[in-house]
PDB file of N, CA and C in Angstrom:
ATOM      1  N   MET A   1       1.067  -0.795  -0.154  1.00  0.00           N
ATOM      2  CA  MET A   1      -0.271  -0.161   0.322  1.00  0.00           C
ATOM      3  C   MET A   1       0.816   1.265   0.073  1.00  0.00           C
ATOM      4  N   VAL A   2       0.334   2.825  -0.633  1.00  0.00           N
ATOM      5  CA  VAL A   2       1.370   3.265  -0.827  1.00  0.00           C
ATOM      6  C   VAL A   2       0.883   4.771   0.387  1.00  0.00           C
ATOM      7  N   LYS A   3       1.607   5.161   0.998  1.00  0.00           N
ATOM      8  CA  LYS A   3       1.176   6.152   1.822  1.00  0.00           C
ATOM      9  C   LYS A   3       1.383   7.846   1.086  1.00  0.00           C
ATOM     10  N   SER A   4      -0.125   7.719   1.930  1.00  0.00           N
ATOM     11  CA  SER A   4      -0.199   9.611   1.563  1.00  0.00           C
ATOM     12  C   SER A   4       0.889  10.473   1.700  1.00  0.00           C
ATOM     13  N   LEU A   5       1.799  11.371   0.344  1.00  0.00           N
ATOM     14  CA  LEU A   5       2.145  12.080   1.153  1.00  0.00           C
ATOM     15  C   LEU A   5       1.631  13.314   1.366  1.00  0.00           C
ATOM     16  N   PHE A   6       0.619  13.474   0.939  1.00  0.00           N
ATOM     17  CA  PHE A   6      -0.142  14.943   1.260  1.00  0.00           C
ATOM     18  C   PHE A   6      -1.120  14.617   2.454  1.00  0.00           C
ATOM     19  N   TYR A   7      -1.537  15.761   3.220  1.00  0.00           N
ATOM     20  CA  TYR A   7      -2.583  15.928   4.312  1.00  0.00           C
ATOM     21  C   TYR A   7      -3.548  16.623   3.424  1.00  0.00           C
ATOM     22  N   ARG A   8      -4.629  16.172   4.262  1.00  0.00           N
ATOM     23  CA  ARG A   8      -6.406  16.120   3.865  1.00  0.00           C
ATOM     24  C   ARG A   8      -6.281  17.443   4.344  1.00  0.00           C
ATOM     25  N   ILE A   9      -7.098  17.863   3.583  1.00  0.00           N
ATOM     26  CA  ILE A   9      -7.627  19.459   4.276  1.00  0.00           C
ATOM     27  C   ILE A   9      -8.656  19.461   4.884  1.00  0.00           C
ATOM     28  N   ILE A  10      -9.069  20.080   6.288  1.00  0.00           N
ATOM     29  CA  ILE A  10     -10.548  20.360   6.361  1.00  0.00           C
ATOM     30  C   ILE A  10     -10.923  21.775   6.690  1.00  0.00           C
ATOM     31  N   TRP A  11     -11.499  22.141   5.905  1.00  0.00           N
ATOM     32  CA  TRP A  11     -11.651  24.080   6.653  1.00  0.00           C
ATOM     33  C   TRP A  11     -13.098  23.528   7.338  1.00  0.00           C
ATOM     34  N   ASP A  12     -12.529  24.260   8.757  1.00  0.00           N
ATOM     35  CA  ASP A  12     -13.122  24.435   9.718  1.00  0.00           C
ATOM     36  C   ASP A  12     -14.755  25.775   9.965  1.00  0.00           C
ATOM     37  N   ARG A  13     -15.650  25.784  10.085  1.00  0.00           N
ATOM     38  CA  ARG A  13     -17.129  26.604   9.756  1.00  0.00           C
ATOM     39  C   ARG A  13     -16.160  27.796   9.995  1.00  0.00           C
ATOM     40  N   ASN A  14     -15.387  27.847  10.911  1.00  0.00           N
ATOM     41  CA  ASN A  14     -15.159  29.778  11.229  1.00  0.00           C
ATOM     42  C   ASN A  14     -14.514  30.394  10.059  1.00  0.00           C
ATOM     43  N   ALA A  15     -13.708  29.263   9.127  1.00  0.00           N
ATOM     44  CA  ALA A  15     -12.885  29.774   8.526  1.00  0.00           C
ATOM     45  C   ALA A  15     -13.354  29.932   7.179  1.00  0.00           C
ATOM     46  N   LEU A  16     -14.679  29.111   6.981  1.00  0.00           N
ATOM     47  CA  LEU A  16     -15.572  28.665   5.579  1.00  0.00           C
ATOM     48  C   LEU A  16     -16.313  30.168   5.873  1.00  0.00           C
ATOM     49  N   ASP A  17     -16.847  30.824   6.718  1.00  0.00           N
ATOM     50  CA  ASP A  17     -17.371  31.886   7.135  1.00  0.00           C
ATOM     51  C   ASP A  17     -16.463  33.239   6.776  1.00  0.00           C
ATOM     52  N   ASN A  18     -15.352  33.134   7.375  1.00  0.00           N
ATOM     53  CA  ASN A  18     -14.386  34.421   7.113  1.00  0.00           C
ATOM     54  C   ASN A  18     -14.089  34.559   5.540  1.00  0.00           C
ATOM     55  N   MET A  19     -14.002  33.234   4.498  1.00  0.00           N
ATOM     56  CA  MET A  19     -13.398  33.484   3.332  1.00  0.00           C
ATOM     57  C   MET A  19     -15.015  34.247   2.718  1.00  0.00           C
ATOM     58  N   LYS A  20     -15.772  33.662   3.049  1.00  0.00           N
ATOM     59  CA  LYS A  20     -17.194  34.100   2.860  1.00  0.00           C
ATOM     60  C   LYS A  20     -17.120  35.654   2.617  1.00  0.00           C
ATOM     61  N   GLU A  21     -16.508  36.034   3.522  1.00  0.00           N
ATOM     62  CA  GLU A  21     -16.917  37.383   3.950  1.00  0.00           C
ATOM     63  C   GLU A  21     -16.086  38.442   3.546  1.00  0.00           C
ATOM     64  N   ILE A  22     -15.072  37.891   3.930  1.00  0.00           N
ATOM     65  CA  ILE A  22     -13.918  38.572   2.260  1.00  0.00           C
ATOM     66  C   ILE A  22     -14.056  38.908   1.254  1.00  0.00           C
ATOM     67  N   LEU A  23     -14.525  37.411   0.475  1.00  0.00           N
ATOM     68  CA  LEU A  23     -14.930  37.117  -0.829  1.00  0.00           C
ATOM     69  C   LEU A  23     -16.336  38.425  -0.883  1.00  0.00           C
ATOM     70  N   THR A  24     -17.101  38.213  -0.328  1.00  0.00           N
ATOM     71  CA  THR A  24     -18.618  39.531  -0.707  1.00  0.00           C
ATOM     72  C   THR A  24     -17.920  40.859  -0.269  1.00  0.00           C
ATOM     73  N   TYR A  25     -16.496  41.121   0.657  1.00  0.00           N
ATOM     74  CA  TYR A  25     -16.917  42.280   1.080  1.00  0.00           C
ATOM     75  C   TYR A  25     -15.485  42.858  -0.807  1.00  0.00           C
ATOM     76  N   LEU A  26     -14.770  42.015  -0.910  1.00  0.00           N
ATOM     77  CA  LEU A  26     -14.590  42.169  -2.259  1.00  0.00           C
ATOM     78  C   LEU A  26     -15.111  42.276  -3.468  1.00  0.00           C
ATOM     79  N   GLU A  27     -15.157  41.673  -3.461  1.00  0.00           N
ATOM     80  CA  GLU A  27     -16.868  42.158  -4.741  1.00  0.00           C
ATOM     81  C   GLU A  27     -17.640  43.265  -5.007  1.00  0.00           C
ATOM     82  N   LYS A  28     -17.224  43.387  -3.633  1.00  0.00           N
ATOM     83  CA  LYS A  28     -17.893  45.181  -3.831  1.00  0.00           C
ATOM     84  C   LYS A  28     -17.389  46.438  -4.811  1.00  0.00           C
ATOM     85  N   GLN A  29     -15.760  45.442  -3.967  1.00  0.00           N
ATOM     86  CA  GLN A  29     -14.644  46.883  -4.901  1.00  0.00           C
ATOM     87  C   GLN A  29     -14.496  46.469  -5.928  1.00  0.00           C
ATOM     88  N   SER A  30     -14.025  45.191  -6.045  1.00  0.00           N
ATOM     89  CA  SER A  30     -13.661  44.885  -7.820  1.00  0.00           C
ATOM     90  C   SER A  30     -13.809  43.609  -8.738  1.00  0.00           C
ATOM     91  N   ASN A  31     -14.528  43.487  -9.725  1.00  0.00           N
ATOM     92  CA  ASN A  31     -14.675  42.044  -9.965  1.00  0.00           C
ATOM     93  C   ASN A  31     -13.190  41.411 -10.314  1.00  0.00           C
ATOM     94  N   GLN A  32     -12.045  41.397 -10.184  1.00  0.00           N
ATOM     95  CA  GLN A  32     -11.279  41.067 -10.166  1.00  0.00           C
ATOM     96  C   GLN A  32     -10.918  40.465  -8.738  1.00  0.00           C
ATOM     97  N   ALA A  33     -10.331  41.084  -8.130  1.00  0.00           N
ATOM     98  CA  ALA A  33      -9.939  41.116  -6.612  1.00  0.00           C
ATOM     99  C   ALA A  33     -10.457  40.013  -5.974  1.00  0.00           C
ATOM    100  N   PRO A  34     -11.626  39.208  -5.554  1.00  0.00           N
ATOM    101  CA  PRO A  34     -11.989  37.977  -4.735  1.00  0.00           C
ATOM    102  C   PRO A  34     -11.692  36.810  -5.698  1.00  0.00           C
ATOM    103  N   LYS A  35     -11.199  36.675  -7.291  1.00  0.00           N
ATOM    104  CA  LYS A  35     -10.932  35.486  -7.802  1.00  0.00           C
ATOM    105  C   LYS A  35      -9.839  35.277  -7.624  1.00  0.00           C
ATOM    106  N   ILE A  36      -8.980  36.777  -7.285  1.00  0.00           N
ATOM    107  CA  ILE A  36      -6.808  36.662  -6.855  1.00  0.00           C
ATOM    108  C   ILE A  36      -7.037  36.727  -5.411  1.00  0.00           C
ATOM    109  N   VAL A  37      -8.031  36.937  -4.749  1.00  0.00           N
ATOM    110  CA  VAL A  37      -7.632  36.381  -3.288  1.00  0.00           C
ATOM    111  C   VAL A  37      -7.501  34.978  -2.783  1.00  0.00           C
ATOM    112  N   LYS A  38      -8.859  34.311  -3.455  1.00  0.00           N
ATOM    113  CA  LYS A  38      -9.340  33.644  -3.203  1.00  0.00           C
ATOM    114  C   LYS A  38      -8.464  32.514  -4.024  1.00  0.00           C
ATOM    115  N   ARG A  39      -7.805  32.596  -5.435  1.00  0.00           N
ATOM    116  CA  ARG A  39      -6.572  31.708  -6.018  1.00  0.00           C
ATOM    117  C   ARG A  39      -5.823  31.660  -5.096  1.00  0.00           C
ATOM    118  N   GLY A  40      -4.740  33.275  -5.436  1.00  0.00           N
ATOM    119  CA  GLY A  40      -3.431  32.690  -4.125  1.00  0.00           C
ATOM    120  C   GLY A  40      -4.010  32.043  -2.555  1.00  0.00           C
ATOM    121  N   ILE A  41      -5.053  31.901  -1.749  1.00  0.00           N
ATOM    122  CA  ILE A  41      -5.075  31.035  -0.712  1.00  0.00           C
ATOM    123  C   ILE A  41      -5.394  29.757  -0.969  1.00  0.00           C
ATOM    124  N   ILE A  42      -6.154  29.605  -2.232  1.00  0.00           N
ATOM    125  CA  ILE A  42      -6.192  27.724  -2.625  1.00  0.00           C
ATOM    126  C   ILE A  42      -4.665  27.694  -2.811  1.00  0.00           C
ATOM    127  N   GLU A  43      -3.655  28.132  -3.749  1.00  0.00           N
ATOM    128  CA  GLU A  43      -2.261  27.676  -4.335  1.00  0.00           C
ATOM    129  C   GLU A  43      -1.830  27.726  -3.092  1.00  0.00           C
ATOM    130  N   LYS A  44      -2.339  28.841  -2.101  1.00  0.00           N
ATOM    131  CA  LYS A  44      -1.087  28.767  -0.589  1.00  0.00           C
ATOM    132  C   LYS A  44      -1.018  27.425   0.109  1.00  0.00           C
ATOM    133  N   ILE A  45      -2.541  27.225  -0.069  1.00  0.00           N
ATOM    134  CA  ILE A  45      -3.013  26.317   0.970  1.00  0.00           C
ATOM    135  C   ILE A  45      -2.508  24.997   0.178  1.00  0.00           C
ATOM    136  N   ASP A  46      -2.484  24.990  -1.096  1.00  0.00           N
ATOM    137  CA  ASP A  46      -1.999  23.668  -1.838  1.00  0.00           C
ATOM    138  C   ASP A  46      -0.974  23.183  -1.562  1.00  0.00           C
ATOM    139  N   LEU A  47      -0.106  24.386  -1.293  1.00  0.00           N
ATOM    140  CA  LEU A  47       1.201  23.913  -1.280  1.00  0.00           C
ATOM    141  C   LEU A  47       1.636  23.662   0.459  1.00  0.00           C
ATOM    142  N   ILE A  48       0.765  23.765   1.280  1.00  0.00           N
ATOM    143  CA  ILE A  48       1.347  23.208   2.663  1.00  0.00           C
ATOM    144  C   ILE A  48       0.607  21.958   2.775  1.00  0.00           C
ATOM    145  N   LYS A  49      -0.303  21.140   1.878  1.00  0.00           N
ATOM    146  CA  LYS A  49      -0.230  19.785   2.017  1.00  0.00           C
ATOM    147  C   LYS A  49       0.328  18.762   1.757  1.00  0.00           C
ATOM    148  N   SER A  50       1.392  19.576   1.331  1.00  0.00           N
ATOM    149  CA  SER A  50       2.734  18.439   0.927  1.00  0.00           C
ATOM    150  C   SER A  50       3.688  18.810   1.804  1.00  0.00           C
ATOM    151  N   ASN A  51       3.766  20.131   2.549  1.00  0.00           N
ATOM    152  CA  ASN A  51       4.851  20.420   3.271  1.00  0.00           C
ATOM    153  C   ASN A  51       4.066  21.370   4.655  1.00  0.00           C
ATOM    154  N   PRO A  52       3.220  20.389   5.339  1.00  0.00           N
ATOM    155  CA  PRO A  52       3.040  21.673   6.301  1.00  0.00           C
ATOM    156  C   PRO A  52       3.454  22.188   6.996  1.00  0.00           C
ATOM    157  N   LEU A  53       5.077  21.945   7.784  1.00  0.00           N
ATOM    158  CA  LEU A  53       5.664  22.699   8.469  1.00  0.00           C
ATOM    159  C   LEU A  53       6.213  24.266   7.208  1.00  0.00           C
ATOM    160  N   ILE A  54       6.068  24.844   6.418  1.00  0.00           N
ATOM    161  CA  ILE A  54       6.490  25.453   5.278  1.00  0.00           C
ATOM    162  C   ILE A  54       5.584  26.873   6.431  1.00  0.00           C
ATOM    163  N   SER A  55       5.198  27.107   6.489  1.00  0.00           N
ATOM    164  CA  SER A  55       4.693  28.233   7.008  1.00  0.00           C
ATOM    165  C   SER A  55       5.653  28.617   8.644  1.00  0.00           C
ATOM    166  N   GLU A  56       5.118  30.145   9.595  1.00  0.00           N
ATOM    167  CA  GLU A  56       5.845  30.049  10.383  1.00  0.00           C
ATOM    168  C   GLU A  56       5.080  29.285  11.899  1.00  0.00           C
ATOM    169  N   SER A  57       6.066  29.224  13.243  1.00  0.00           N
ATOM    170  CA  SER A  57       4.410  29.063  13.805  1.00  0.00           C
ATOM    171  C   SER A  57       3.560  30.484  14.337  1.00  0.00           C
ATOM    172  N   ASP A  58       2.431  30.007  14.549  1.00  0.00           N
ATOM    173  CA  ASP A  58       1.293  31.120  15.019  1.00  0.00           C
ATOM    174  C   ASP A  58       1.985  31.663  15.864  1.00  0.00           C
ATOM    175  N   LYS A  59       2.668  33.001  15.947  1.00  0.00           N
ATOM    176  CA  LYS A  59       2.953  33.666  17.033  1.00  0.00           C
ATOM    177  C   LYS A  59       1.831  34.441  17.830  1.00  0.00           C
ATOM    178  N   LEU A  60       0.187  34.024  17.073  1.00  0.00           N
ATOM    179  CA  LEU A  60      -0.890  34.714  17.528  1.00  0.00           C
ATOM    180  C   LEU A  60      -1.467  33.909  18.781  1.00  0.00           C
ATOM    181  N   LYS A  61      -0.884  32.474  18.719  1.00  0.00           N
ATOM    182  CA  LYS A  61      -1.862  32.131  19.766  1.00  0.00           C
ATOM    183  C   LYS A  61      -1.571  32.202  21.171  1.00  0.00           C
ATOM    184  N   ASP A  62      -2.417  31.715  21.734  1.00  0.00           N
ATOM    185  CA  ASP A  62      -2.305  32.705  23.664  1.00  0.00           C
ATOM    186  C   ASP A  62      -0.783  31.607  23.958  1.00  0.00           C
ATOM    187  N   LEU A  63      -1.224  30.563  24.067  1.00  0.00           N
ATOM    188  CA  LEU A  63      -0.772  29.202  24.349  1.00  0.00           C
ATOM    189  C   LEU A  63       0.693  28.840  23.288  1.00  0.00           C
ATOM    190  N   PRO A  64       1.721  28.495  23.413  1.00  0.00           N
ATOM    191  CA  PRO A  64       2.664  28.564  21.686  1.00  0.00           C
ATOM    192  C   PRO A  64       2.159  27.108  21.997  1.00  0.00           C
ATOM    193  N   ASN A  65       2.370  26.918  20.235  1.00  0.00           N
ATOM    194  CA  ASN A  65       1.737  25.248  20.181  1.00  0.00           C
ATOM    195  C   ASN A  65       3.003  25.436  18.608  1.00  0.00           C
ATOM    196  N   LYS A  66       3.365  24.628  17.816  1.00  0.00           N
ATOM    197  CA  LYS A  66       3.419  24.680  16.817  1.00  0.00           C
ATOM    198  C   LYS A  66       3.180  24.132  15.788  1.00  0.00           C
ATOM    199  N   ASP A  67       2.137  23.133  16.528  1.00  0.00           N
ATOM    200  CA  ASP A  67       1.013  22.259  15.224  1.00  0.00           C
ATOM    201  C   ASP A  67       0.175  23.960  14.713  1.00  0.00           C
ATOM    202  N   PHE A  68       0.188  24.909  15.557  1.00  0.00           N
ATOM    203  CA  PHE A  68      -0.735  25.887  14.387  1.00  0.00           C
ATOM    204  C   PHE A  68       0.538  26.380  14.023  1.00  0.00           C
ATOM    205  N   ARG A  69       0.216  27.005  12.528  1.00  0.00           N
ATOM    206  CA  ARG A  69       0.558  27.238  11.845  1.00  0.00           C
ATOM    207  C   ARG A  69       0.443  28.662  11.239  1.00  0.00           C
ATOM    208  N   ALA A  70       0.799  29.796  10.346  1.00  0.00           N
ATOM    209  CA  ALA A  70      -0.297  31.146   9.303  1.00  0.00           C
ATOM    210  C   ALA A  70       1.036  31.157   8.617  1.00  0.00           C
ATOM    211  N   PHE A  71       0.433  31.522   7.650  1.00  0.00           N
ATOM    212  CA  PHE A  71       0.620  32.495   6.844  1.00  0.00           C
ATOM    213  C   PHE A  71       0.515  34.180   6.219  1.00  0.00           C
ATOM    214  N   VAL A  72       0.698  34.547   5.595  1.00  0.00           N
ATOM    215  CA  VAL A  72       0.196  35.502   5.010  1.00  0.00           C
ATOM    216  C   VAL A  72       0.448  35.863   3.493  1.00  0.00           C
ATOM    217  N   ILE A  73      -1.260  36.417   3.259  1.00  0.00           N
ATOM    218  CA  ILE A  73      -0.864  36.693   1.569  1.00  0.00           C
ATOM    219  C   ILE A  73      -2.007  37.256   1.219  1.00  0.00           C
ATOM    220  N   TYR A  74      -1.137  38.747   0.150  1.00  0.00           N
ATOM    221  CA  TYR A  74      -2.689  39.102   0.183  1.00  0.00           C
ATOM    222  C   TYR A  74      -3.121  39.835   1.016  1.00  0.00           C
ATOM    223  N   SER A  75      -2.409  40.812   2.378  1.00  0.00           N
ATOM    224  CA  SER A  75      -2.334  40.780   2.999  1.00  0.00           C
ATOM    225  C   SER A  75      -3.914  39.975   3.966  1.00  0.00           C
ATOM    226  N   TYR A  76      -3.912  38.687   4.044  1.00  0.00           N
ATOM    227  CA  TYR A  76      -5.231  38.193   4.529  1.00  0.00           C
ATOM    228  C   TYR A  76      -4.248  36.828   5.613  1.00  0.00           C
ATOM    229  N   ARG A  77      -4.099  36.971   6.294  1.00  0.00           N
ATOM    230  CA  ARG A  77      -3.934  35.664   7.579  1.00  0.00           C
ATOM    231  C   ARG A  77      -4.440  34.727   7.721  1.00  0.00           C
ATOM    232  N   VAL A  78      -4.163  34.091   7.545  1.00  0.00           N
ATOM    233  CA  VAL A  78      -4.892  32.204   7.371  1.00  0.00           C
ATOM    234  C   VAL A  78      -3.544  31.512   8.133  1.00  0.00           C
ATOM    235  N   THR A  79      -4.660  31.161   9.347  1.00  0.00           N
ATOM    236  CA  THR A  79      -3.804  29.912  10.111  1.00  0.00           C
ATOM    237  C   THR A  79      -4.789  28.789  10.339  1.00  0.00           C
ATOM    238  N   TYR A  80      -3.335  27.524  10.574  1.00  0.00           N
ATOM    239  CA  TYR A  80      -4.129  26.591  10.402  1.00  0.00           C
ATOM    240  C   TYR A  80      -3.538  25.524  11.263  1.00  0.00           C
ATOM    241  N   GLN A  81      -4.310  24.468  11.319  1.00  0.00           N
ATOM    242  CA  GLN A  81      -3.847  23.421  12.463  1.00  0.00           C
ATOM    243  C   GLN A  81      -3.072  22.079  12.039  1.00  0.00           C
ATOM    244  N   ILE A  82      -1.691  21.452  12.468  1.00  0.00           N
ATOM    245  CA  ILE A  82      -1.611  20.309  11.779  1.00  0.00           C
ATOM    246  C   ILE A  82      -1.890  19.296  12.896  1.00  0.00           C
ATOM    247  N   LYS A  83      -2.548  17.801  12.082  1.00  0.00           N
ATOM    248  CA  LYS A  83      -2.688  16.877  12.608  1.00  0.00           C
ATOM    249  C   LYS A  83      -2.367  15.721  12.141  1.00  0.00           C
ATOM    250  N   ASP A  84      -0.561  15.679  12.414  1.00  0.00           N
ATOM    251  CA  ASP A  84      -0.069  14.554  12.133  1.00  0.00           C
ATOM    252  C   ASP A  84      -0.181  13.740  12.275  1.00  0.00           C
ATOM    253  N   ASP A  85      -0.982  12.797  13.275  1.00  0.00           N
ATOM    254  CA  ASP A  85      -1.018  11.724  13.728  1.00  0.00           C
ATOM    255  C   ASP A  85      -2.156  11.175  12.804  1.00  0.00           C
ATOM    256  N   ILE A  86      -2.631  11.853  12.232  1.00  0.00           N
ATOM    257  CA  ILE A  86      -4.133  11.495  11.195  1.00  0.00           C
ATOM    258  C   ILE A  86      -4.083  12.459   9.710  1.00  0.00           C
ATOM    259  N   LYS A  87      -2.699  12.889   9.325  1.00  0.00           N
ATOM    260  CA  LYS A  87      -1.858  13.239   7.972  1.00  0.00           C
ATOM    261  C   LYS A  87      -3.312  14.579   7.883  1.00  0.00           C
ATOM    262  N   GLU A  88      -3.693  15.547   8.620  1.00  0.00           N
ATOM    263  CA  GLU A  88      -4.598  16.585   8.549  1.00  0.00           C
ATOM    264  C   GLU A  88      -4.351  17.741   8.761  1.00  0.00           C
ATOM    265  N   ILE A  89      -4.847  18.812   8.226  1.00  0.00           N
ATOM    266  CA  ILE A  89      -4.516  19.911   7.818  1.00  0.00           C
ATOM    267  C   ILE A  89      -5.753  20.559   7.930  1.00  0.00           C
ATOM    268  N   ARG A  90      -6.289  21.781   9.477  1.00  0.00           N
ATOM    269  CA  ARG A  90      -7.419  22.332   9.639  1.00  0.00           C
ATOM    270  C   ARG A  90      -7.157  23.664   9.772  1.00  0.00           C
ATOM    271  N   ILE A  91      -8.262  24.293   8.626  1.00  0.00           N
ATOM    272  CA  ILE A  91      -7.276  25.704   8.444  1.00  0.00           C
ATOM    273  C   ILE A  91      -8.900  26.182   9.094  1.00  0.00           C
ATOM    274  N   VAL A  92      -8.744  26.843  10.280  1.00  0.00           N
ATOM    275  CA  VAL A  92      -8.901  27.738  11.951  1.00  0.00           C
ATOM    276  C   VAL A  92      -9.547  28.774  10.962  1.00  0.00           C
ATOM    277  N   ARG A  93      -8.922  30.124  10.539  1.00  0.00           N
ATOM    278  CA  ARG A  93      -9.739  30.947  10.074  1.00  0.00           C
ATOM    279  C   ARG A  93      -8.741  31.669   9.212  1.00  0.00           C
ATOM    280  N   ILE A  94      -9.245  33.163   8.757  1.00  0.00           N
ATOM    281  CA  ILE A  94      -8.608  33.989   7.756  1.00  0.00           C
ATOM    282  C   ILE A  94      -9.100  35.102   8.181  1.00  0.00           C
ATOM    283  N   ARG A  95      -8.104  36.275   8.409  1.00  0.00           N
ATOM    284  CA  ARG A  95      -7.945  37.616   8.647  1.00  0.00           C
ATOM    285  C   ARG A  95      -7.395  38.508   8.694  1.00  0.00           C
ATOM    286  N   HIS A  96      -7.506  39.829   8.011  1.00  0.00           N
ATOM    287  CA  HIS A  96      -6.763  40.813   7.269  1.00  0.00           C
ATOM    288  C   HIS A  96      -5.733  41.378   8.249  1.00  0.00           C
ATOM    289  N   THR A  97      -5.117  41.900   7.880  1.00  0.00           N
ATOM    290  CA  THR A  97      -4.199  41.790   8.873  1.00  0.00           C
ATOM    291  C   THR A  97      -4.253  42.420   9.945  1.00  0.00           C
ATOM    292  N   SER A  98      -4.864  43.983   9.052  1.00  0.00           N
ATOM    293  CA  SER A  98      -4.668  45.092   9.555  1.00  0.00           C
ATOM    294  C   SER A  98      -5.826  45.075  10.667  1.00  0.00           C
ATOM    295  N   ARG A  99      -6.582  44.371  11.176  1.00  0.00           N
ATOM    296  CA  ARG A  99      -7.648  43.965  12.371  1.00  0.00           C
ATOM    297  C   ARG A  99      -6.650  43.824  13.130  1.00  0.00           C
ATOM    298  N   GLU A 100      -7.121  43.922  14.585  1.00  0.00           N
ATOM    299  CA  GLU A 100      -6.762  43.653  15.897  1.00  0.00           C
ATOM    300  C   GLU A 100      -6.415  42.066  15.606  1.00  0.00           C
ATOM    301  N   PRO A 101      -5.197  42.103  16.280  1.00  0.00           N
ATOM    302  CA  PRO A 101      -4.965  40.288  16.695  1.00  0.00           C
ATOM    303  C   PRO A 101      -5.533  40.409  17.277  1.00  0.00           C
ATOM    304  N   LEU A 102      -6.778  39.301  17.467  1.00  0.00           N
ATOM    305  CA  LEU A 102      -7.553  38.190  18.431  1.00  0.00           C
ATOM    306  C   LEU A 102      -6.451  36.831  18.992  1.00  0.00           C
ATOM    307  N   GLY A 103      -5.821  36.717  20.209  1.00  0.00           N
ATOM    308  CA  GLY A 103      -5.629  35.788  20.678  1.00  0.00           C
ATOM    309  C   GLY A 103      -6.567  34.906  20.178  1.00  0.00           C
ATOM    310  N   TYR A 104      -6.056  33.221  20.378  1.00  0.00           N
ATOM    311  CA  TYR A 104      -6.833  31.912  20.199  1.00  0.00           C
ATOM    312  C   TYR A 104      -6.328  30.618  20.936  1.00  0.00           C
TER     313      TYR A 104
END
């Protein structure tokens, strides 16, 4: 049996809601902006499927935990959790970097 090199991506309900709000907001600004931002976020998530440690540990986590990572693309910070034992990456939230960072 061939072992998968990729982690499965799971979107937390909160992250899906964040993405929807972002895209809805961007649609009011431009026709192209939502497509560009969505594509950029999805492409970066595709990269972490094979190398989840590529992003830095999430420094906004109240209690430091190496399983929580984050990356920034187009001024949006995407936070995810690595569940190594089950080869899963959970997208936790997406926030604009200009918003006050809230710990979690």
